[in-house]
Amino acid sequence: MLIVISFLATFGLLVSAGLLLFYRDTVMDRLQAIVEPRGDSSSLFGRLLQRRPTSLESIVKPFQNVLPRSVAEASIVQKRLIRAGYRDASAINIFYGAKVLVPISLSVFATVTGAYQMSPFFVYTVAAGLGFMVPDFWLGNRIKSRQLKVRLGLPEALDLMVICTEAGLGMDQAMSRVSEELKLSQPEIHDELVLVGLEQKAGRPRDEALKNLADRTDIDSVRALTTTLIQSDTFGTSVAKTLRVYSDTLRTQRRQQAEEIAAKTTVKLVFPLVLFIFPSIFVVALGPSAITMMEGFGRMFQ
């Protein structure tokens, strides 16, 4: 048991150290942008175009080409990384390098701690399989976390867009203004709206930029919103009225989801009742009777 606890603790330290190295450059860039603003060179567009090797990339660089990768598989992984918020060109290389480096690290740790002595084949197989799947699990967790943040911040963005459109701004100007207002409170939505604006400035049609927004986030509410905006732009209906109706619909859906979760609580309480509370009640209610019966039967058979 002590070996398993030490194994998990060391693995958590390794993952924490990797995350610290991965985010250090991003934090330094944000601090530098606040202390010394530099105009367009520090904007999101400049950060997307400029590629700077990170400390983590230099660590995993020797391992990134060990695993074979097809074009279709790399494209799927790239989409998942984009949905998680990692748009840098080096992200996919770091991902594939981690799928090799993590199993090696776990195997080395099992060797150093002596855990392999219990069953070498089993321990090394588990270390290799778990290490190979950990980057996928971590990336999936990051995608779900980012999607949750976008989903929770979407009503706020819609309310601001309604205010901007009713004040006389067009859809493009409203998105630009909303992205500026949400830069600190909702950075995920800020990044997505900025990318929509950059795609339109690069010459891409508005409907195509909105479809790309839905593909990047992969959220049903965002996909429905982009479809509604495209239809409103196509048929010439009021954008402000469309956004207001959709915002009310979205809030109604969130309230219904909360009510659904609350209704499921009674069913979910059955399992802790059966496993923890009922046995305690049985012990308290039937314990004295059982002891008395055992003593009576003991006297009978003496």
C-alpha atoms as a PDB file:
ATOM      1  CA  MET A   1       0.000   0.000   0.000  1.00  0.00           C
ATOM      2  CA  LEU A   2       2.865   2.341   0.851  1.00  0.00           C
ATOM      3  CA  ILE A   3       4.454   1.648  -2.536  1.00  0.00           C
ATOM      4  CA  VAL A   4       1.215   2.542  -4.366  1.00  0.00           C
ATOM      5  CA  ILE A   5       0.842   5.801  -2.387  1.00  0.00           C
ATOM      6  CA  SER A   6       4.455   6.801  -3.068  1.00  0.00           C
ATOM      7  CA  PHE A   7       3.991   5.908  -6.748  1.00  0.00           C
ATOM      8  CA  LEU A   8       0.911   8.131  -7.072  1.00  0.00           C
ATOM      9  CA  ALA A   9       2.545  10.976  -5.135  1.00  0.00           C
ATOM     10  CA  THR A  10       5.647  10.963  -7.317  1.00  0.00           C
ATOM     11  CA  PHE A  11       3.556  10.774 -10.486  1.00  0.00           C
ATOM     12  CA  GLY A  12       1.527  13.775  -9.311  1.00  0.00           C
ATOM     13  CA  LEU A  13       4.721  15.720  -8.682  1.00  0.00           C
ATOM     14  CA  LEU A  14       5.992  14.898 -12.185  1.00  0.00           C
ATOM     15  CA  VAL A  15       2.724  16.024 -13.782  1.00  0.00           C
ATOM     16  CA  SER A  16       2.694  19.223 -11.710  1.00  0.00           C
ATOM     17  CA  ALA A  17       6.264  20.015 -12.712  1.00  0.00           C
ATOM     18  CA  GLY A  18       5.407  19.486 -16.385  1.00  0.00           C
ATOM     19  CA  LEU A  19       2.363  21.748 -16.163  1.00  0.00           C
ATOM     20  CA  LEU A  20       4.425  24.408 -14.378  1.00  0.00           C
ATOM     21  CA  LEU A  21       7.024  24.386 -17.143  1.00  0.00           C
ATOM     22  CA  PHE A  22       4.322  24.439 -19.821  1.00  0.00           C
ATOM     23  CA  TYR A  23       2.480  27.464 -18.435  1.00  0.00           C
ATOM     24  CA  ARG A  24       5.483  29.471 -17.287  1.00  0.00           C
ATOM     25  CA  ASP A  25       6.059  31.164 -20.638  1.00  0.00           C
ATOM     26  CA  THR A  26       2.356  32.004 -21.020  1.00  0.00           C
ATOM     27  CA  VAL A  27       2.252  33.628 -17.586  1.00  0.00           C
ATOM     28  CA  MET A  28       5.425  35.598 -18.330  1.00  0.00           C
ATOM     29  CA  ASP A  29       3.948  36.814 -21.631  1.00  0.00           C
ATOM     30  CA  ARG A  30       0.801  38.034 -19.869  1.00  0.00           C
ATOM     31  CA  LEU A  31       2.794  39.818 -17.185  1.00  0.00           C
ATOM     32  CA  GLN A  32       5.036  41.384 -19.817  1.00  0.00           C
ATOM     33  CA  ALA A  33       2.003  42.520 -21.804  1.00  0.00           C
ATOM     34  CA  ILE A  34       0.560  44.209 -18.702  1.00  0.00           C
ATOM     35  CA  VAL A  35       3.808  45.873 -17.619  1.00  0.00           C
ATOM     36  CA  GLU A  36       5.050  46.849 -21.088  1.00  0.00           C
ATOM     37  CA  PRO A  37       2.246  46.905 -23.693  1.00  0.00           C
ATOM     38  CA  ARG A  38       3.713  46.656 -27.194  1.00  0.00           C
ATOM     39  CA  GLY A  39       0.800  47.099 -29.544  1.00  0.00           C
ATOM     40  CA  ASP A  40       0.239  44.626 -32.348  1.00  0.00           C
ATOM     41  CA  SER A  41       3.338  42.518 -31.695  1.00  0.00           C
ATOM     42  CA  SER A  42       1.861  41.346 -28.368  1.00  0.00           C
ATOM     43  CA  SER A  43      -1.643  40.778 -29.701  1.00  0.00           C
ATOM     44  CA  LEU A  44      -3.242  37.382 -30.080  1.00  0.00           C
ATOM     45  CA  PHE A  45      -2.544  37.404 -33.821  1.00  0.00           C
ATOM     46  CA  GLY A  46       1.138  38.030 -33.189  1.00  0.00           C
ATOM     47  CA  ARG A  47       1.290  35.259 -30.588  1.00  0.00           C
ATOM     48  CA  LEU A  48      -0.365  32.861 -33.011  1.00  0.00           C
ATOM     49  CA  LEU A  49       2.090  33.598 -35.782  1.00  0.00           C
ATOM     50  CA  GLN A  50       5.268  33.752 -33.733  1.00  0.00           C
ATOM     51  CA  ARG A  51       6.545  30.388 -32.581  1.00  0.00           C
ATOM     52  CA  ARG A  52       8.961  30.271 -29.676  1.00  0.00           C
ATOM     53  CA  PRO A  53      10.240  26.930 -28.325  1.00  0.00           C
ATOM     54  CA  THR A  54       9.236  26.403 -24.708  1.00  0.00           C
ATOM     55  CA  SER A  55      11.114  24.573 -22.010  1.00  0.00           C
ATOM     56  CA  LEU A  56       8.750  21.627 -22.241  1.00  0.00           C
ATOM     57  CA  GLU A  57       9.158  21.444 -25.995  1.00  0.00           C
ATOM     58  CA  SER A  58      12.934  21.233 -25.660  1.00  0.00           C
ATOM     59  CA  ILE A  59      12.509  18.358 -23.189  1.00  0.00           C
ATOM     60  CA  VAL A  60      10.174  16.253 -25.333  1.00  0.00           C
ATOM     61  CA  LYS A  61      11.753  17.110 -28.701  1.00  0.00           C
ATOM     62  CA  PRO A  62      13.907  13.928 -28.872  1.00  0.00           C
ATOM     63  CA  PHE A  63      10.796  11.783 -28.294  1.00  0.00           C
ATOM     64  CA  GLN A  64       8.213  13.455 -30.542  1.00  0.00           C
ATOM     65  CA  ASN A  65       8.973  11.382 -33.647  1.00  0.00           C
ATOM     66  CA  VAL A  66       9.187   7.986 -31.947  1.00  0.00           C
ATOM     67  CA  LEU A  67       5.494   7.202 -32.405  1.00  0.00           C
ATOM     68  CA  PRO A  68       4.279   6.894 -36.002  1.00  0.00           C
ATOM     69  CA  ARG A  69       1.542   9.354 -36.890  1.00  0.00           C
ATOM     70  CA  SER A  70      -0.666   9.544 -39.938  1.00  0.00           C
ATOM     71  CA  VAL A  71      -2.017  12.722 -41.443  1.00  0.00           C
ATOM     72  CA  ALA A  72      -5.589  11.877 -40.416  1.00  0.00           C
ATOM     73  CA  GLU A  73      -4.583  11.068 -36.838  1.00  0.00           C
ATOM     74  CA  ALA A  74      -2.451  14.213 -36.544  1.00  0.00           C
ATOM     75  CA  SER A  75      -5.379  16.259 -37.846  1.00  0.00           C
ATOM     76  CA  ILE A  76      -7.699  14.819 -35.183  1.00  0.00           C
ATOM     77  CA  VAL A  77      -5.153  15.472 -32.437  1.00  0.00           C
ATOM     78  CA  GLN A  78      -4.642  19.016 -33.735  1.00  0.00           C
ATOM     79  CA  LYS A  79      -8.393  19.670 -33.543  1.00  0.00           C
ATOM     80  CA  ARG A  80      -8.504  18.373 -29.977  1.00  0.00           C
ATOM     81  CA  LEU A  81      -5.586  20.582 -29.003  1.00  0.00           C
ATOM     82  CA  ILE A  82      -7.305  23.604 -30.556  1.00  0.00           C
ATOM     83  CA  ARG A  83     -10.485  22.804 -28.620  1.00  0.00           C
ATOM     84  CA  ALA A  84      -8.384  22.695 -25.466  1.00  0.00           C
ATOM     85  CA  GLY A  85      -6.959  26.137 -26.281  1.00  0.00           C
ATOM     86  CA  TYR A  86      -3.492  25.073 -27.522  1.00  0.00           C
ATOM     87  CA  ARG A  87      -3.100  26.578 -30.991  1.00  0.00           C
ATOM     88  CA  ASP A  88       0.674  26.791 -31.136  1.00  0.00           C
ATOM     89  CA  ALA A  89       2.366  24.705 -33.827  1.00  0.00           C
ATOM     90  CA  SER A  90       4.553  23.000 -31.224  1.00  0.00           C
ATOM     91  CA  ALA A  91       1.573  21.697 -29.210  1.00  0.00           C
ATOM     92  CA  ILE A  92       1.131  18.547 -31.296  1.00  0.00           C
ATOM     93  CA  ASN A  93       4.848  17.732 -31.045  1.00  0.00           C
ATOM     94  CA  ILE A  94       4.730  18.186 -27.279  1.00  0.00           C
ATOM     95  CA  PHE A  95       1.682  15.917 -27.119  1.00  0.00           C
ATOM     96  CA  TYR A  96       3.312  13.078 -29.051  1.00  0.00           C
ATOM     97  CA  GLY A  97       6.540  13.528 -27.113  1.00  0.00           C
ATOM     98  CA  ALA A  98       4.617  13.263 -23.837  1.00  0.00           C
ATOM     99  CA  LYS A  99       3.032   9.963 -24.964  1.00  0.00           C
ATOM    100  CA  VAL A 100       6.570   8.546 -25.098  1.00  0.00           C
ATOM    101  CA  LEU A 101       8.171  10.400 -22.205  1.00  0.00           C
ATOM    102  CA  VAL A 102       5.476   9.668 -19.600  1.00  0.00           C
ATOM    103  CA  PRO A 103       5.602   5.829 -20.004  1.00  0.00           C
ATOM    104  CA  ILE A 104       9.400   5.961 -19.811  1.00  0.00           C
ATOM    105  CA  SER A 105       9.219   8.105 -16.663  1.00  0.00           C
ATOM    106  CA  LEU A 106       6.746   5.743 -15.009  1.00  0.00           C
ATOM    107  CA  SER A 107       8.859   2.716 -15.919  1.00  0.00           C
ATOM    108  CA  VAL A 108      11.983   4.372 -14.516  1.00  0.00           C
ATOM    109  CA  PHE A 109      10.099   5.280 -11.362  1.00  0.00           C
ATOM    110  CA  ALA A 110       8.865   1.685 -10.955  1.00  0.00           C
ATOM    111  CA  THR A 111      12.471   0.503 -11.309  1.00  0.00           C
ATOM    112  CA  VAL A 112      13.880   3.023  -8.847  1.00  0.00           C
ATOM    113  CA  THR A 113      11.251   2.393  -6.168  1.00  0.00           C
ATOM    114  CA  GLY A 114      11.450  -1.389  -6.574  1.00  0.00           C
ATOM    115  CA  ALA A 115       7.739  -1.744  -7.349  1.00  0.00           C
ATOM    116  CA  TYR A 116       8.603  -4.030 -10.279  1.00  0.00           C
ATOM    117  CA  GLN A 117       9.646  -6.765  -7.838  1.00  0.00           C
ATOM    118  CA  MET A 118       6.007  -7.656  -7.151  1.00  0.00           C
ATOM    119  CA  SER A 119       5.448  -8.639 -10.793  1.00  0.00           C
ATOM    120  CA  PRO A 120       7.818  -7.141 -13.384  1.00  0.00           C
ATOM    121  CA  PHE A 121       5.649  -7.918 -16.407  1.00  0.00           C
ATOM    122  CA  PHE A 122       2.475  -6.572 -14.789  1.00  0.00           C
ATOM    123  CA  VAL A 123       4.088  -3.439 -13.328  1.00  0.00           C
ATOM    124  CA  TYR A 124       5.884  -2.435 -16.532  1.00  0.00           C
ATOM    125  CA  THR A 125       2.811  -3.179 -18.658  1.00  0.00           C
ATOM    126  CA  VAL A 126       0.625  -1.022 -16.405  1.00  0.00           C
ATOM    127  CA  ALA A 127       3.245   1.753 -16.367  1.00  0.00           C
ATOM    128  CA  ALA A 128       3.539   1.741 -20.169  1.00  0.00           C
ATOM    129  CA  GLY A 129      -0.214   1.569 -20.792  1.00  0.00           C
ATOM    130  CA  LEU A 130      -1.103   4.156 -18.161  1.00  0.00           C
ATOM    131  CA  GLY A 131       1.650   6.493 -19.308  1.00  0.00           C
ATOM    132  CA  PHE A 132       0.508   6.194 -22.914  1.00  0.00           C
ATOM    133  CA  MET A 133      -3.103   7.040 -22.022  1.00  0.00           C
ATOM    134  CA  VAL A 134      -2.420   9.814 -19.482  1.00  0.00           C
ATOM    135  CA  PRO A 135      -1.841  12.553 -22.141  1.00  0.00           C
ATOM    136  CA  ASP A 136      -5.155  11.646 -23.808  1.00  0.00           C
ATOM    137  CA  PHE A 137      -7.009  11.733 -20.494  1.00  0.00           C
ATOM    138  CA  TRP A 138      -5.381  15.030 -19.569  1.00  0.00           C
ATOM    139  CA  LEU A 139      -6.238  16.569 -22.942  1.00  0.00           C
ATOM    140  CA  GLY A 140      -9.838  15.374 -22.679  1.00  0.00           C
ATOM    141  CA  ASN A 141     -10.079  16.932 -19.219  1.00  0.00           C
ATOM    142  CA  ARG A 142      -8.719  20.232 -20.544  1.00  0.00           C
ATOM    143  CA  ILE A 143     -11.272  20.199 -23.386  1.00  0.00           C
ATOM    144  CA  LYS A 144     -14.161  19.590 -20.985  1.00  0.00           C
ATOM    145  CA  SER A 145     -12.917  22.308 -18.635  1.00  0.00           C
ATOM    146  CA  ARG A 146     -12.633  24.858 -21.421  1.00  0.00           C
ATOM    147  CA  GLN A 147     -16.019  23.927 -22.876  1.00  0.00           C
ATOM    148  CA  LEU A 148     -17.588  24.355 -19.447  1.00  0.00           C
ATOM    149  CA  LYS A 149     -16.066  27.822 -19.088  1.00  0.00           C
ATOM    150  CA  VAL A 150     -17.334  28.819 -22.540  1.00  0.00           C
ATOM    151  CA  ARG A 151     -20.779  27.414 -21.798  1.00  0.00           C
ATOM    152  CA  LEU A 152     -21.054  29.280 -18.496  1.00  0.00           C
ATOM    153  CA  GLY A 153     -19.793  32.560 -19.934  1.00  0.00           C
ATOM    154  CA  LEU A 154     -21.944  32.491 -23.073  1.00  0.00           C
ATOM    155  CA  PRO A 155     -25.053  34.172 -21.544  1.00  0.00           C
ATOM    156  CA  GLU A 156     -22.910  37.087 -20.364  1.00  0.00           C
ATOM    157  CA  ALA A 157     -21.454  37.480 -23.850  1.00  0.00           C
ATOM    158  CA  LEU A 158     -24.922  37.362 -25.415  1.00  0.00           C
ATOM    159  CA  ASP A 159     -26.233  40.052 -23.071  1.00  0.00           C
ATOM    160  CA  LEU A 160     -23.329  42.323 -23.992  1.00  0.00           C
ATOM    161  CA  MET A 161     -23.902  41.644 -27.700  1.00  0.00           C
ATOM    162  CA  VAL A 162     -27.580  42.542 -27.303  1.00  0.00           C
ATOM    163  CA  ILE A 163     -26.623  45.843 -25.661  1.00  0.00           C
ATOM    164  CA  CYS A 164     -24.077  46.614 -28.382  1.00  0.00           C
ATOM    165  CA  THR A 165     -26.404  45.790 -31.274  1.00  0.00           C
ATOM    166  CA  GLU A 166     -29.276  47.781 -29.759  1.00  0.00           C
ATOM    167  CA  ALA A 167     -26.866  50.703 -29.365  1.00  0.00           C
ATOM    168  CA  GLY A 168     -26.344  50.706 -33.149  1.00  0.00           C
ATOM    169  CA  LEU A 169     -23.242  48.573 -33.658  1.00  0.00           C
ATOM    170  CA  GLY A 170     -23.071  45.958 -36.387  1.00  0.00           C
ATOM    171  CA  MET A 171     -22.445  42.292 -35.684  1.00  0.00           C
ATOM    172  CA  ASP A 172     -18.700  42.515 -36.365  1.00  0.00           C
ATOM    173  CA  GLN A 173     -18.244  45.629 -34.241  1.00  0.00           C
ATOM    174  CA  ALA A 174     -20.377  44.094 -31.473  1.00  0.00           C
ATOM    175  CA  MET A 175     -18.205  40.954 -31.398  1.00  0.00           C
ATOM    176  CA  SER A 176     -15.060  43.072 -31.277  1.00  0.00           C
ATOM    177  CA  ARG A 177     -16.418  45.188 -28.436  1.00  0.00           C
ATOM    178  CA  VAL A 178     -17.648  42.171 -26.477  1.00  0.00           C
ATOM    179  CA  SER A 179     -14.280  40.448 -26.859  1.00  0.00           C
ATOM    180  CA  GLU A 180     -12.573  43.495 -25.354  1.00  0.00           C
ATOM    181  CA  GLU A 181     -15.000  43.616 -22.429  1.00  0.00           C
ATOM    182  CA  LEU A 182     -14.592  39.902 -21.691  1.00  0.00           C
ATOM    183  CA  LYS A 183     -10.802  39.843 -21.912  1.00  0.00           C
ATOM    184  CA  LEU A 184     -10.364  39.456 -18.143  1.00  0.00           C
ATOM    185  CA  SER A 185     -13.607  37.825 -16.986  1.00  0.00           C
ATOM    186  CA  GLN A 186     -14.012  35.312 -19.841  1.00  0.00           C
ATOM    187  CA  PRO A 187     -10.636  34.843 -21.596  1.00  0.00           C
ATOM    188  CA  GLU A 188     -11.814  31.726 -23.490  1.00  0.00           C
ATOM    189  CA  ILE A 189     -14.708  33.560 -25.159  1.00  0.00           C
ATOM    190  CA  HIS A 190     -12.413  36.540 -25.742  1.00  0.00           C
ATOM    191  CA  ASP A 191      -9.946  34.348 -27.666  1.00  0.00           C
ATOM    192  CA  GLU A 192     -12.666  32.762 -29.784  1.00  0.00           C
ATOM    193  CA  LEU A 193     -14.273  36.089 -30.714  1.00  0.00           C
ATOM    194  CA  VAL A 194     -10.870  37.579 -31.528  1.00  0.00           C
ATOM    195  CA  LEU A 195     -10.172  34.654 -33.860  1.00  0.00           C
ATOM    196  CA  VAL A 196     -13.528  35.222 -35.583  1.00  0.00           C
ATOM    197  CA  GLY A 197     -12.573  38.852 -36.157  1.00  0.00           C
ATOM    198  CA  LEU A 198      -9.113  37.914 -37.446  1.00  0.00           C
ATOM    199  CA  GLU A 199     -10.578  35.404 -39.898  1.00  0.00           C
ATOM    200  CA  GLN A 200     -12.942  38.040 -41.264  1.00  0.00           C
ATOM    201  CA  LYS A 201     -10.107  40.548 -41.576  1.00  0.00           C
ATOM    202  CA  ALA A 202      -8.160  37.931 -43.522  1.00  0.00           C
ATOM    203  CA  GLY A 203     -11.001  37.772 -46.074  1.00  0.00           C
ATOM    204  CA  ARG A 204     -13.020  34.828 -44.847  1.00  0.00           C
ATOM    205  CA  PRO A 205     -16.841  35.219 -45.064  1.00  0.00           C
ATOM    206  CA  ARG A 206     -18.722  35.798 -41.847  1.00  0.00           C
ATOM    207  CA  ASP A 207     -20.760  32.593 -42.065  1.00  0.00           C
ATOM    208  CA  GLU A 208     -17.620  30.527 -42.590  1.00  0.00           C
ATOM    209  CA  ALA A 209     -15.894  32.222 -39.644  1.00  0.00           C
ATOM    210  CA  LEU A 210     -18.907  31.479 -37.440  1.00  0.00           C
ATOM    211  CA  LYS A 211     -18.932  27.832 -38.568  1.00  0.00           C
ATOM    212  CA  ASN A 212     -15.258  27.597 -37.661  1.00  0.00           C
ATOM    213  CA  LEU A 213     -16.119  28.996 -34.234  1.00  0.00           C
ATOM    214  CA  ALA A 214     -18.647  26.208 -33.733  1.00  0.00           C
ATOM    215  CA  ASP A 215     -16.122  23.577 -34.874  1.00  0.00           C
ATOM    216  CA  ARG A 216     -13.391  24.926 -32.569  1.00  0.00           C
ATOM    217  CA  THR A 217     -15.560  24.927 -29.453  1.00  0.00           C
ATOM    218  CA  ASP A 218     -17.651  21.804 -30.259  1.00  0.00           C
ATOM    219  CA  ILE A 219     -20.458  22.983 -27.972  1.00  0.00           C
ATOM    220  CA  ASP A 220     -24.115  22.514 -28.872  1.00  0.00           C
ATOM    221  CA  SER A 221     -25.168  25.932 -27.570  1.00  0.00           C
ATOM    222  CA  VAL A 222     -22.430  27.704 -29.548  1.00  0.00           C
ATOM    223  CA  ARG A 223     -23.285  25.685 -32.649  1.00  0.00           C
ATOM    224  CA  ALA A 224     -26.948  26.649 -32.330  1.00  0.00           C
ATOM    225  CA  LEU A 225     -25.963  30.283 -31.770  1.00  0.00           C
ATOM    226  CA  THR A 226     -23.809  30.395 -34.903  1.00  0.00           C
ATOM    227  CA  THR A 227     -26.592  28.772 -36.927  1.00  0.00           C
ATOM    228  CA  THR A 228     -29.046  31.363 -35.622  1.00  0.00           C
ATOM    229  CA  LEU A 229     -26.698  34.249 -36.462  1.00  0.00           C
ATOM    230  CA  ILE A 230     -26.066  32.895 -39.971  1.00  0.00           C
ATOM    231  CA  GLN A 231     -29.798  32.580 -40.617  1.00  0.00           C
ATOM    232  CA  SER A 232     -30.419  36.055 -39.219  1.00  0.00           C
ATOM    233  CA  ASP A 233     -27.717  37.489 -41.477  1.00  0.00           C
ATOM    234  CA  THR A 234     -29.049  35.580 -44.499  1.00  0.00           C
ATOM    235  CA  PHE A 235     -32.718  36.545 -44.135  1.00  0.00           C
ATOM    236  CA  GLY A 236     -32.061  40.068 -42.835  1.00  0.00           C
ATOM    237  CA  THR A 237     -33.882  39.744 -39.528  1.00  0.00           C
ATOM    238  CA  SER A 238     -33.016  41.828 -36.472  1.00  0.00           C
ATOM    239  CA  VAL A 239     -29.787  40.622 -34.887  1.00  0.00           C
ATOM    240  CA  ALA A 240     -30.591  42.212 -31.521  1.00  0.00           C
ATOM    241  CA  LYS A 241     -33.981  40.515 -31.318  1.00  0.00           C
ATOM    242  CA  THR A 242     -32.449  37.193 -32.389  1.00  0.00           C
ATOM    243  CA  LEU A 243     -29.743  37.404 -29.737  1.00  0.00           C
ATOM    244  CA  ARG A 244     -32.238  38.383 -27.043  1.00  0.00           C
ATOM    245  CA  VAL A 245     -34.540  35.464 -27.862  1.00  0.00           C
ATOM    246  CA  TYR A 246     -31.644  33.018 -27.950  1.00  0.00           C
ATOM    247  CA  SER A 247     -30.261  34.383 -24.664  1.00  0.00           C
ATOM    248  CA  ASP A 248     -33.633  33.824 -22.982  1.00  0.00           C
ATOM    249  CA  THR A 249     -33.804  30.337 -24.486  1.00  0.00           C
ATOM    250  CA  LEU A 250     -30.312  29.533 -23.254  1.00  0.00           C
ATOM    251  CA  ARG A 251     -31.119  30.672 -19.715  1.00  0.00           C
ATOM    252  CA  THR A 252     -34.304  28.580 -19.782  1.00  0.00           C
ATOM    253  CA  GLN A 253     -32.290  25.529 -20.853  1.00  0.00           C
ATOM    254  CA  ARG A 254     -29.779  26.073 -18.062  1.00  0.00           C
ATOM    255  CA  ARG A 255     -32.598  26.373 -15.517  1.00  0.00           C
ATOM    256  CA  GLN A 256     -34.177  23.165 -16.835  1.00  0.00           C
ATOM    257  CA  GLN A 257     -30.831  21.385 -16.619  1.00  0.00           C
ATOM    258  CA  ALA A 258     -30.449  22.525 -13.012  1.00  0.00           C
ATOM    259  CA  GLU A 259     -33.955  21.241 -12.229  1.00  0.00           C
ATOM    260  CA  GLU A 260     -33.141  17.939 -13.925  1.00  0.00           C
ATOM    261  CA  ILE A 261     -29.970  17.542 -11.850  1.00  0.00           C
ATOM    262  CA  ALA A 262     -31.921  18.365  -8.689  1.00  0.00           C
ATOM    263  CA  ALA A 263     -34.580  15.774  -9.574  1.00  0.00           C
ATOM    264  CA  LYS A 264     -31.885  13.100 -10.007  1.00  0.00           C
ATOM    265  CA  THR A 265     -30.575  13.760  -6.506  1.00  0.00           C
ATOM    266  CA  THR A 266     -33.231  11.587  -4.832  1.00  0.00           C
ATOM    267  CA  VAL A 267     -32.283   8.611  -7.002  1.00  0.00           C
ATOM    268  CA  LYS A 268     -28.557   9.126  -6.409  1.00  0.00           C
ATOM    269  CA  LEU A 269     -29.115   9.233  -2.644  1.00  0.00           C
ATOM    270  CA  VAL A 270     -30.330   5.635  -2.702  1.00  0.00           C
ATOM    271  CA  PHE A 271     -26.802   4.228  -3.046  1.00  0.00           C
ATOM    272  CA  PRO A 272     -25.229   5.997  -0.017  1.00  0.00           C
ATOM    273  CA  LEU A 273     -28.363   5.172   1.983  1.00  0.00           C
ATOM    274  CA  VAL A 274     -28.077   1.472   1.186  1.00  0.00           C
ATOM    275  CA  LEU A 275     -24.303   1.295   1.602  1.00  0.00           C
ATOM    276  CA  PHE A 276     -23.724   3.495   4.656  1.00  0.00           C
ATOM    277  CA  ILE A 277     -26.892   4.499   6.535  1.00  0.00           C
ATOM    278  CA  PHE A 278     -28.991   1.308   6.428  1.00  0.00           C
ATOM    279  CA  PRO A 279     -26.191  -0.958   7.770  1.00  0.00           C
ATOM    280  CA  SER A 280     -25.709   1.439  10.693  1.00  0.00           C
ATOM    281  CA  ILE A 281     -29.445   1.385  11.422  1.00  0.00           C
ATOM    282  CA  PHE A 282     -29.485  -2.411  11.271  1.00  0.00           C
ATOM    283  CA  VAL A 283     -26.566  -2.615  13.687  1.00  0.00           C
ATOM    284  CA  VAL A 284     -28.228  -0.253  16.162  1.00  0.00           C
ATOM    285  CA  ALA A 285     -31.708  -1.811  15.867  1.00  0.00           C
ATOM    286  CA  LEU A 286     -30.860  -5.498  15.567  1.00  0.00           C
ATOM    287  CA  GLY A 287     -27.517  -5.619  17.364  1.00  0.00           C
ATOM    288  CA  PRO A 288     -28.846  -6.014  20.933  1.00  0.00           C
ATOM    289  CA  SER A 289     -31.428  -8.580  19.824  1.00  0.00           C
ATOM    290  CA  ALA A 290     -28.779 -10.563  17.969  1.00  0.00           C
ATOM    291  CA  ILE A 291     -26.500 -10.559  21.014  1.00  0.00           C
ATOM    292  CA  THR A 292     -29.361 -11.711  23.246  1.00  0.00           C
ATOM    293  CA  MET A 293     -30.283 -14.493  20.827  1.00  0.00           C
ATOM    294  CA  MET A 294     -26.663 -15.659  20.588  1.00  0.00           C
ATOM    295  CA  GLU A 295     -26.399 -15.790  24.379  1.00  0.00           C
ATOM    296  CA  GLY A 296     -29.701 -17.744  24.610  1.00  0.00           C
ATOM    297  CA  PHE A 297     -28.630 -20.303  22.008  1.00  0.00           C
ATOM    298  CA  GLY A 298     -25.285 -20.617  23.790  1.00  0.00           C
ATOM    299  CA  ARG A 299     -27.009 -21.596  27.041  1.00  0.00           C
ATOM    300  CA  MET A 300     -29.280 -24.082  25.256  1.00  0.00           C
ATOM    301  CA  PHE A 301     -26.421 -26.045  23.709  1.00  0.00           C
ATOM    302  CA  GLN A 302     -24.178 -26.095  26.774  1.00  0.00           C
END
